């Protein structure tokens, strides 16, 4: 098996992009999901509620964040000094506001008043103690430092989606892109689709990771990352083939045991 691709999302719930290599830190890929967007009430706003956020591409150059979108000129962001507490899926986290320019730029894109917030200290947010160690930390990802998916599982899912459509008298759809699932790392060469469900530890390059649990999927996967429109897939088909504990599942969550560098093409070994 090998590491087929690495995906990076500087601002939570905006478009990601691929990189050839990435530094793995205890709380995730360096710079990954260190920013998030809040609404007028100070609550997290994601592409689940506002798919237009996926039209924003955020890139990091050192410590400088640049936002690019279809509605305005690119904006370089500099976090301000003001801090506030934001509930990140139930955990209160102190975040730094990124100022009026970033707020105005993103508000125009989202069609509502929003603010951009930055996690200056990624050691603030602990991992769910039910699945991690007391010292484990996560940035602003949903729950865990990294998300892994496999090409074999996506291929099987796309076959199932085609079967579902044809059985219902619908036209066979185009295969879903892995972009729907917003992974950090994608593995090629897995012999059996969804074999990752059973993994406990994996080594990618020279970095060892613990597998915490499978990843339960939400309606964000139903948003087309190109058109930003919502559909029924893949939730409809996952509910048929991959539903248990009242949730649907695709991918696995990882916690790194050590920091280091991963590179596209690295070998991947189940431990």
C-alpha atoms as a PDB file:
ATOM      1  CA  UNK A   1       0.000   0.000   0.000  1.00  0.00           C
ATOM      2  CA  UNK A   2       1.084   3.583  -0.507  1.00  0.00           C
ATOM      3  CA  UNK A   3       0.102   7.141   0.333  1.00  0.00           C
ATOM      4  CA  UNK A   4      -1.694   8.291  -2.813  1.00  0.00           C
ATOM      5  CA  UNK A   5      -2.504  11.878  -1.819  1.00  0.00           C
ATOM      6  CA  UNK A   6      -2.348  14.392   1.026  1.00  0.00           C
ATOM      7  CA  UNK A   7      -5.121  16.951   1.520  1.00  0.00           C
ATOM      8  CA  UNK A   8      -4.910  20.168   3.456  1.00  0.00           C
ATOM      9  CA  UNK A   9      -7.671  22.524   4.703  1.00  0.00           C
ATOM     10  CA  UNK A  10      -6.316  25.668   6.406  1.00  0.00           C
ATOM     11  CA  UNK A  11      -9.841  27.012   7.090  1.00  0.00           C
ATOM     12  CA  UNK A  12     -12.418  24.544   8.338  1.00  0.00           C
ATOM     13  CA  UNK A  13     -15.240  23.873   5.845  1.00  0.00           C
ATOM     14  CA  UNK A  14     -13.617  25.666   2.914  1.00  0.00           C
ATOM     15  CA  UNK A  15     -12.062  24.077  -0.171  1.00  0.00           C
ATOM     16  CA  UNK A  16      -9.025  21.888   0.374  1.00  0.00           C
ATOM     17  CA  UNK A  17      -6.010  21.383  -1.838  1.00  0.00           C
ATOM     18  CA  UNK A  18      -3.464  18.656  -2.356  1.00  0.00           C
ATOM     19  CA  UNK A  19       0.153  18.911  -1.255  1.00  0.00           C
ATOM     20  CA  UNK A  20       3.118  16.691  -2.061  1.00  0.00           C
ATOM     21  CA  UNK A  21       4.291  16.549   1.537  1.00  0.00           C
ATOM     22  CA  UNK A  22       3.128  17.650   4.947  1.00  0.00           C
ATOM     23  CA  UNK A  23       4.488  17.915   8.450  1.00  0.00           C
ATOM     24  CA  UNK A  24       2.579  15.759  10.897  1.00  0.00           C
ATOM     25  CA  UNK A  25       2.160  17.415  14.283  1.00  0.00           C
ATOM     26  CA  UNK A  26       0.481  15.906  17.364  1.00  0.00           C
ATOM     27  CA  UNK A  27      -2.803  17.740  16.602  1.00  0.00           C
ATOM     28  CA  UNK A  28      -2.834  17.163  12.814  1.00  0.00           C
ATOM     29  CA  UNK A  29      -1.063  18.270   9.660  1.00  0.00           C
ATOM     30  CA  UNK A  30       0.845  21.527  10.233  1.00  0.00           C
ATOM     31  CA  UNK A  31      -1.556  24.397   9.559  1.00  0.00           C
ATOM     32  CA  UNK A  32      -4.540  22.160   8.868  1.00  0.00           C
ATOM     33  CA  UNK A  33      -7.868  23.493  10.135  1.00  0.00           C
ATOM     34  CA  UNK A  34      -6.375  26.168  12.355  1.00  0.00           C
ATOM     35  CA  UNK A  35      -9.071  28.646  11.246  1.00  0.00           C
ATOM     36  CA  UNK A  36     -12.853  28.455  11.348  1.00  0.00           C
ATOM     37  CA  UNK A  37     -15.822  30.668  10.520  1.00  0.00           C
ATOM     38  CA  UNK A  38     -18.513  31.739  12.981  1.00  0.00           C
ATOM     39  CA  UNK A  39     -21.947  33.226  12.354  1.00  0.00           C
ATOM     40  CA  UNK A  40     -23.464  36.377  13.825  1.00  0.00           C
ATOM     41  CA  UNK A  41     -24.204  34.510  17.066  1.00  0.00           C
ATOM     42  CA  UNK A  42     -20.610  33.305  17.464  1.00  0.00           C
ATOM     43  CA  UNK A  43     -21.457  29.714  16.537  1.00  0.00           C
ATOM     44  CA  UNK A  44     -19.432  27.654  14.074  1.00  0.00           C
ATOM     45  CA  UNK A  45     -20.659  28.017  10.504  1.00  0.00           C
ATOM     46  CA  UNK A  46     -19.758  25.135   8.196  1.00  0.00           C
ATOM     47  CA  UNK A  47     -20.494  24.155   4.617  1.00  0.00           C
ATOM     48  CA  UNK A  48     -23.208  21.901   6.016  1.00  0.00           C
ATOM     49  CA  UNK A  49     -25.261  25.047   6.559  1.00  0.00           C
ATOM     50  CA  UNK A  50     -23.680  27.275   3.900  1.00  0.00           C
ATOM     51  CA  UNK A  51     -22.237  25.350   0.924  1.00  0.00           C
ATOM     52  CA  UNK A  52     -20.896  28.574  -0.622  1.00  0.00           C
ATOM     53  CA  UNK A  53     -18.013  28.379   1.839  1.00  0.00           C
ATOM     54  CA  UNK A  54     -16.577  25.637  -0.394  1.00  0.00           C
ATOM     55  CA  UNK A  55     -15.924  28.323  -3.015  1.00  0.00           C
ATOM     56  CA  UNK A  56     -13.240  29.768  -0.732  1.00  0.00           C
ATOM     57  CA  UNK A  57      -9.731  28.415  -1.244  1.00  0.00           C
ATOM     58  CA  UNK A  58      -7.372  29.191   1.630  1.00  0.00           C
ATOM     59  CA  UNK A  59      -3.607  28.855   1.257  1.00  0.00           C
ATOM     60  CA  UNK A  60      -0.830  29.235   3.795  1.00  0.00           C
ATOM     61  CA  UNK A  61       2.552  30.724   2.977  1.00  0.00           C
ATOM     62  CA  UNK A  62       4.463  30.460   6.216  1.00  0.00           C
ATOM     63  CA  UNK A  63       2.192  32.219   8.708  1.00  0.00           C
ATOM     64  CA  UNK A  64       0.325  34.215   6.046  1.00  0.00           C
ATOM     65  CA  UNK A  65      -3.160  33.038   5.105  1.00  0.00           C
ATOM     66  CA  UNK A  66      -4.563  34.096   1.734  1.00  0.00           C
ATOM     67  CA  UNK A  67      -8.233  33.681   0.852  1.00  0.00           C
ATOM     68  CA  UNK A  68      -9.297  33.339  -2.779  1.00  0.00           C
ATOM     69  CA  UNK A  69     -12.888  33.236  -4.014  1.00  0.00           C
ATOM     70  CA  UNK A  70     -15.115  34.037  -7.002  1.00  0.00           C
ATOM     71  CA  UNK A  71     -16.633  37.148  -5.466  1.00  0.00           C
ATOM     72  CA  UNK A  72     -13.673  39.400  -4.605  1.00  0.00           C
ATOM     73  CA  UNK A  73      -9.960  39.939  -4.962  1.00  0.00           C
ATOM     74  CA  UNK A  74      -7.717  37.632  -2.903  1.00  0.00           C
ATOM     75  CA  UNK A  75      -7.294  38.721   0.700  1.00  0.00           C
ATOM     76  CA  UNK A  76      -4.262  38.301   2.943  1.00  0.00           C
ATOM     77  CA  UNK A  77      -5.350  37.712   6.518  1.00  0.00           C
ATOM     78  CA  UNK A  78      -3.645  38.920   9.664  1.00  0.00           C
ATOM     79  CA  UNK A  79      -5.177  37.757  12.966  1.00  0.00           C
ATOM     80  CA  UNK A  80      -6.033  40.610  15.330  1.00  0.00           C
ATOM     81  CA  UNK A  81      -5.597  40.599  19.101  1.00  0.00           C
ATOM     82  CA  UNK A  82      -9.217  40.158  20.203  1.00  0.00           C
ATOM     83  CA  UNK A  83     -10.086  36.721  21.544  1.00  0.00           C
ATOM     84  CA  UNK A  84     -13.373  34.996  22.267  1.00  0.00           C
ATOM     85  CA  UNK A  85     -14.582  31.590  23.339  1.00  0.00           C
ATOM     86  CA  UNK A  86     -16.155  29.410  20.662  1.00  0.00           C
ATOM     87  CA  UNK A  87     -17.837  26.080  21.315  1.00  0.00           C
ATOM     88  CA  UNK A  88     -16.116  23.592  19.011  1.00  0.00           C
ATOM     89  CA  UNK A  89     -18.493  20.634  19.054  1.00  0.00           C
ATOM     90  CA  UNK A  90     -19.090  21.034  22.750  1.00  0.00           C
ATOM     91  CA  UNK A  91     -15.577  22.040  23.831  1.00  0.00           C
ATOM     92  CA  UNK A  92     -15.041  25.750  24.659  1.00  0.00           C
ATOM     93  CA  UNK A  93     -11.916  26.973  22.867  1.00  0.00           C
ATOM     94  CA  UNK A  94     -10.290  30.406  22.975  1.00  0.00           C
ATOM     95  CA  UNK A  95      -9.841  31.704  19.407  1.00  0.00           C
ATOM     96  CA  UNK A  96      -8.347  34.900  17.982  1.00  0.00           C
ATOM     97  CA  UNK A  97     -10.467  37.086  15.702  1.00  0.00           C
ATOM     98  CA  UNK A  98      -9.015  37.824  12.266  1.00  0.00           C
ATOM     99  CA  UNK A  99     -10.317  41.366  11.858  1.00  0.00           C
ATOM    100  CA  UNK A 100     -12.840  43.352   9.869  1.00  0.00           C
ATOM    101  CA  UNK A 101     -11.378  42.794   6.393  1.00  0.00           C
ATOM    102  CA  UNK A 102     -11.592  39.021   6.703  1.00  0.00           C
ATOM    103  CA  UNK A 103     -15.085  39.295   8.176  1.00  0.00           C
ATOM    104  CA  UNK A 104     -16.285  41.482   5.313  1.00  0.00           C
ATOM    105  CA  UNK A 105     -14.686  39.272   2.640  1.00  0.00           C
ATOM    106  CA  UNK A 106     -16.237  36.076   4.000  1.00  0.00           C
ATOM    107  CA  UNK A 107     -19.586  37.718   4.802  1.00  0.00           C
ATOM    108  CA  UNK A 108     -19.946  38.711   1.154  1.00  0.00           C
ATOM    109  CA  UNK A 109     -19.209  35.138   0.086  1.00  0.00           C
ATOM    110  CA  UNK A 110     -21.535  33.545   2.648  1.00  0.00           C
ATOM    111  CA  UNK A 111     -24.365  36.030   2.203  1.00  0.00           C
ATOM    112  CA  UNK A 112     -24.587  36.644   5.953  1.00  0.00           C
ATOM    113  CA  UNK A 113     -22.493  38.267   8.693  1.00  0.00           C
ATOM    114  CA  UNK A 114     -19.603  35.997   9.696  1.00  0.00           C
ATOM    115  CA  UNK A 115     -16.227  36.211  11.422  1.00  0.00           C
ATOM    116  CA  UNK A 116     -12.961  34.351  10.825  1.00  0.00           C
ATOM    117  CA  UNK A 117     -11.277  32.901  13.929  1.00  0.00           C
ATOM    118  CA  UNK A 118      -7.775  31.481  14.426  1.00  0.00           C
ATOM    119  CA  UNK A 119      -6.509  28.869  16.871  1.00  0.00           C
ATOM    120  CA  UNK A 120      -3.131  30.307  17.831  1.00  0.00           C
ATOM    121  CA  UNK A 121      -2.362  27.507  20.316  1.00  0.00           C
ATOM    122  CA  UNK A 122      -3.302  24.026  19.022  1.00  0.00           C
ATOM    123  CA  UNK A 123      -2.699  22.441  22.422  1.00  0.00           C
ATOM    124  CA  UNK A 124      -5.927  23.973  23.777  1.00  0.00           C
ATOM    125  CA  UNK A 125      -8.384  21.369  22.519  1.00  0.00           C
ATOM    126  CA  UNK A 126      -8.254  17.770  23.809  1.00  0.00           C
ATOM    127  CA  UNK A 127      -9.375  14.723  21.879  1.00  0.00           C
ATOM    128  CA  UNK A 128     -12.475  12.919  23.136  1.00  0.00           C
ATOM    129  CA  UNK A 129     -11.115  10.972  26.149  1.00  0.00           C
ATOM    130  CA  UNK A 130     -13.230   7.965  25.158  1.00  0.00           C
ATOM    131  CA  UNK A 131     -10.936   7.429  22.157  1.00  0.00           C
ATOM    132  CA  UNK A 132      -7.692   9.204  23.010  1.00  0.00           C
ATOM    133  CA  UNK A 133      -5.083   9.610  25.702  1.00  0.00           C
ATOM    134  CA  UNK A 134      -5.128  12.530  28.148  1.00  0.00           C
ATOM    135  CA  UNK A 135      -2.279  14.239  26.265  1.00  0.00           C
ATOM    136  CA  UNK A 136      -3.851  13.915  22.785  1.00  0.00           C
ATOM    137  CA  UNK A 137      -4.840  17.167  21.111  1.00  0.00           C
ATOM    138  CA  UNK A 138      -6.699  18.173  17.940  1.00  0.00           C
ATOM    139  CA  UNK A 139      -6.851  21.487  16.077  1.00  0.00           C
ATOM    140  CA  UNK A 140     -10.251  22.545  14.679  1.00  0.00           C
ATOM    141  CA  UNK A 141     -11.027  19.346  12.788  1.00  0.00           C
ATOM    142  CA  UNK A 142     -14.327  17.765  13.772  1.00  0.00           C
ATOM    143  CA  UNK A 143     -12.828  15.345  16.283  1.00  0.00           C
ATOM    144  CA  UNK A 144      -9.406  13.857  15.521  1.00  0.00           C
ATOM    145  CA  UNK A 145      -6.067  14.992  14.054  1.00  0.00           C
ATOM    146  CA  UNK A 146      -6.252  13.166  10.692  1.00  0.00           C
ATOM    147  CA  UNK A 147      -8.818  11.416   8.537  1.00  0.00           C
ATOM    148  CA  UNK A 148      -7.801   8.504   6.298  1.00  0.00           C
ATOM    149  CA  UNK A 149      -9.756   7.064   3.375  1.00  0.00           C
ATOM    150  CA  UNK A 150      -8.898   4.420   0.790  1.00  0.00           C
ATOM    151  CA  UNK A 151      -9.303   4.421  -2.975  1.00  0.00           C
ATOM    152  CA  UNK A 152     -10.635   0.854  -2.847  1.00  0.00           C
ATOM    153  CA  UNK A 153     -13.470   1.848  -0.527  1.00  0.00           C
ATOM    154  CA  UNK A 154     -14.467   4.780  -2.715  1.00  0.00           C
ATOM    155  CA  UNK A 155     -14.500   2.548  -5.792  1.00  0.00           C
ATOM    156  CA  UNK A 156     -16.797   0.068  -4.032  1.00  0.00           C
ATOM    157  CA  UNK A 157     -19.054   2.873  -2.821  1.00  0.00           C
ATOM    158  CA  UNK A 158     -19.327   4.286  -6.343  1.00  0.00           C
ATOM    159  CA  UNK A 159     -20.302   0.819  -7.613  1.00  0.00           C
ATOM    160  CA  UNK A 160     -23.001   0.646  -4.955  1.00  0.00           C
ATOM    161  CA  UNK A 161     -24.257   4.124  -5.866  1.00  0.00           C
ATOM    162  CA  UNK A 162     -24.585   3.089  -9.508  1.00  0.00           C
ATOM    163  CA  UNK A 163     -26.474  -0.055  -8.470  1.00  0.00           C
ATOM    164  CA  UNK A 164     -28.813   1.998  -6.293  1.00  0.00           C
ATOM    165  CA  UNK A 165     -29.561   4.441  -9.112  1.00  0.00           C
ATOM    166  CA  UNK A 166     -30.249   1.726 -11.693  1.00  0.00           C
ATOM    167  CA  UNK A 167     -32.487  -0.204  -9.312  1.00  0.00           C
ATOM    168  CA  UNK A 168     -34.542   2.965  -8.821  1.00  0.00           C
ATOM    169  CA  UNK A 169     -34.799   3.616 -12.557  1.00  0.00           C
ATOM    170  CA  UNK A 170     -32.410   6.549 -12.411  1.00  0.00           C
ATOM    171  CA  UNK A 171     -29.560   7.370 -14.754  1.00  0.00           C
ATOM    172  CA  UNK A 172     -26.183   6.100 -13.575  1.00  0.00           C
ATOM    173  CA  UNK A 173     -24.396   9.075 -11.974  1.00  0.00           C
ATOM    174  CA  UNK A 174     -20.815  10.187 -12.429  1.00  0.00           C
ATOM    175  CA  UNK A 175     -18.539   8.615  -9.784  1.00  0.00           C
ATOM    176  CA  UNK A 176     -18.155  10.685  -6.643  1.00  0.00           C
ATOM    177  CA  UNK A 177     -14.810  12.352  -6.059  1.00  0.00           C
ATOM    178  CA  UNK A 178     -12.847  11.734  -2.872  1.00  0.00           C
ATOM    179  CA  UNK A 179     -13.174  15.490  -2.331  1.00  0.00           C
ATOM    180  CA  UNK A 180     -16.657  14.779  -0.947  1.00  0.00           C
ATOM    181  CA  UNK A 181     -15.115  13.085   2.089  1.00  0.00           C
ATOM    182  CA  UNK A 182     -12.461  15.680   2.925  1.00  0.00           C
ATOM    183  CA  UNK A 183      -9.677  13.270   3.979  1.00  0.00           C
ATOM    184  CA  UNK A 184      -6.160  14.241   4.993  1.00  0.00           C
ATOM    185  CA  UNK A 185      -4.566  11.090   3.597  1.00  0.00           C
ATOM    186  CA  UNK A 186      -5.745   8.680   0.907  1.00  0.00           C
ATOM    187  CA  UNK A 187      -4.264   5.182   0.657  1.00  0.00           C
ATOM    188  CA  UNK A 188      -3.950   3.182  -2.582  1.00  0.00           C
ATOM    189  CA  UNK A 189      -3.437  -0.553  -2.803  1.00  0.00           C
ATOM    190  CA  UNK A 190      -5.814  -1.696  -0.046  1.00  0.00           C
ATOM    191  CA  UNK A 191      -6.678  -5.248  -1.121  1.00  0.00           C
ATOM    192  CA  UNK A 192     -10.253  -5.276   0.202  1.00  0.00           C
ATOM    193  CA  UNK A 193     -12.672  -2.332   0.277  1.00  0.00           C
ATOM    194  CA  UNK A 194     -13.315  -1.115   3.811  1.00  0.00           C
ATOM    195  CA  UNK A 195     -10.505  -3.241   5.230  1.00  0.00           C
ATOM    196  CA  UNK A 196      -9.536  -0.097   7.149  1.00  0.00           C
ATOM    197  CA  UNK A 197     -12.511  -0.718   9.460  1.00  0.00           C
ATOM    198  CA  UNK A 198     -10.401  -3.348  11.202  1.00  0.00           C
ATOM    199  CA  UNK A 199      -7.093  -1.512  11.405  1.00  0.00           C
ATOM    200  CA  UNK A 200      -5.715  -0.594  14.827  1.00  0.00           C
ATOM    201  CA  UNK A 201      -2.385   1.010  13.871  1.00  0.00           C
ATOM    202  CA  UNK A 202      -0.793   2.113  10.608  1.00  0.00           C
ATOM    203  CA  UNK A 203       2.637   3.387   9.626  1.00  0.00           C
ATOM    204  CA  UNK A 204       2.838   5.930   6.796  1.00  0.00           C
ATOM    205  CA  UNK A 205       6.405   6.593   5.793  1.00  0.00           C
ATOM    206  CA  UNK A 206       8.141   6.700   9.167  1.00  0.00           C
ATOM    207  CA  UNK A 207       5.159   7.969  11.179  1.00  0.00           C
ATOM    208  CA  UNK A 208       3.043   5.635  13.310  1.00  0.00           C
ATOM    209  CA  UNK A 209      -0.632   6.393  13.850  1.00  0.00           C
ATOM    210  CA  UNK A 210      -3.280   4.994  16.142  1.00  0.00           C
ATOM    211  CA  UNK A 211      -6.711   4.352  14.658  1.00  0.00           C
ATOM    212  CA  UNK A 212      -9.309   5.775  17.051  1.00  0.00           C
ATOM    213  CA  UNK A 213     -12.599   4.883  15.374  1.00  0.00           C
ATOM    214  CA  UNK A 214     -14.429   4.973  12.087  1.00  0.00           C
ATOM    215  CA  UNK A 215     -15.667   8.294  10.740  1.00  0.00           C
ATOM    216  CA  UNK A 216     -19.430   8.799  10.805  1.00  0.00           C
ATOM    217  CA  UNK A 217     -20.506  10.954   7.887  1.00  0.00           C
ATOM    218  CA  UNK A 218     -22.863  13.922   7.729  1.00  0.00           C
ATOM    219  CA  UNK A 219     -24.781  15.824   5.055  1.00  0.00           C
ATOM    220  CA  UNK A 220     -21.633  17.712   4.013  1.00  0.00           C
ATOM    221  CA  UNK A 221     -20.765  14.686   1.862  1.00  0.00           C
ATOM    222  CA  UNK A 222     -23.934  15.330  -0.172  1.00  0.00           C
ATOM    223  CA  UNK A 223     -22.666  18.752  -1.316  1.00  0.00           C
ATOM    224  CA  UNK A 224     -21.077  18.747  -4.769  1.00  0.00           C
ATOM    225  CA  UNK A 225     -17.669  20.446  -4.271  1.00  0.00           C
ATOM    226  CA  UNK A 226     -17.847  21.945  -7.768  1.00  0.00           C
ATOM    227  CA  UNK A 227     -21.444  23.199  -8.026  1.00  0.00           C
ATOM    228  CA  UNK A 228     -22.116  23.522  -4.228  1.00  0.00           C
ATOM    229  CA  UNK A 229     -25.537  21.902  -4.722  1.00  0.00           C
ATOM    230  CA  UNK A 230     -26.900  19.199  -2.404  1.00  0.00           C
ATOM    231  CA  UNK A 231     -28.033  15.752  -3.498  1.00  0.00           C
ATOM    232  CA  UNK A 232     -28.929  12.409  -1.936  1.00  0.00           C
ATOM    233  CA  UNK A 233     -25.614  10.620  -2.373  1.00  0.00           C
ATOM    234  CA  UNK A 234     -23.556   9.220  -0.805  1.00  0.00           C
ATOM    235  CA  UNK A 235     -25.752   9.199   2.333  1.00  0.00           C
ATOM    236  CA  UNK A 236     -28.554   7.309   0.572  1.00  0.00           C
ATOM    237  CA  UNK A 237     -26.274   4.436  -0.429  1.00  0.00           C
ATOM    238  CA  UNK A 238     -24.139   4.475   2.728  1.00  0.00           C
ATOM    239  CA  UNK A 239     -27.377   4.094   4.696  1.00  0.00           C
ATOM    240  CA  UNK A 240     -28.045   0.912   2.767  1.00  0.00           C
ATOM    241  CA  UNK A 241     -24.604  -0.667   3.054  1.00  0.00           C
ATOM    242  CA  UNK A 242     -22.651   1.083   5.829  1.00  0.00           C
ATOM    243  CA  UNK A 243     -25.098   1.971   8.597  1.00  0.00           C
ATOM    244  CA  UNK A 244     -24.788   0.908  12.209  1.00  0.00           C
ATOM    245  CA  UNK A 245     -25.202   2.588  15.591  1.00  0.00           C
ATOM    246  CA  UNK A 246     -27.627   4.934  13.880  1.00  0.00           C
ATOM    247  CA  UNK A 247     -24.875   6.472  11.690  1.00  0.00           C
ATOM    248  CA  UNK A 248     -23.264   5.939   8.291  1.00  0.00           C
ATOM    249  CA  UNK A 249     -19.517   5.362   8.012  1.00  0.00           C
ATOM    250  CA  UNK A 250     -16.681   6.070   5.578  1.00  0.00           C
ATOM    251  CA  UNK A 251     -13.003   6.441   6.506  1.00  0.00           C
ATOM    252  CA  UNK A 252     -11.106   6.192   9.786  1.00  0.00           C
ATOM    253  CA  UNK A 253      -9.704   8.723  12.247  1.00  0.00           C
ATOM    254  CA  UNK A 254      -6.022   8.774  13.188  1.00  0.00           C
ATOM    255  CA  UNK A 255      -3.866  10.141  16.004  1.00  0.00           C
ATOM    256  CA  UNK A 256      -0.112  10.365  15.330  1.00  0.00           C
ATOM    257  CA  UNK A 257       2.225   8.803  17.882  1.00  0.00           C
ATOM    258  CA  UNK A 258       5.186  10.923  16.765  1.00  0.00           C
ATOM    259  CA  UNK A 259       5.675  14.043  14.633  1.00  0.00           C
ATOM    260  CA  UNK A 260       7.456  13.938  11.291  1.00  0.00           C
ATOM    261  CA  UNK A 261       7.075  14.321   7.530  1.00  0.00           C
ATOM    262  CA  UNK A 262       4.834  12.371   5.181  1.00  0.00           C
ATOM    263  CA  UNK A 263       5.289  12.487   1.403  1.00  0.00           C
ATOM    264  CA  UNK A 264       3.094  11.410  -1.479  1.00  0.00           C
ATOM    265  CA  UNK A 265       4.159   7.901  -2.470  1.00  0.00           C
ATOM    266  CA  UNK A 266       5.256   6.861   1.032  1.00  0.00           C
ATOM    267  CA  UNK A 267       4.656   3.223   1.874  1.00  0.00           C
ATOM    268  CA  UNK A 268       1.757   2.426   4.216  1.00  0.00           C
ATOM    269  CA  UNK A 269       1.933  -0.599   6.495  1.00  0.00           C
ATOM    270  CA  UNK A 270      -0.628  -2.023   8.897  1.00  0.00           C
ATOM    271  CA  UNK A 271       0.966  -2.625  12.301  1.00  0.00           C
END
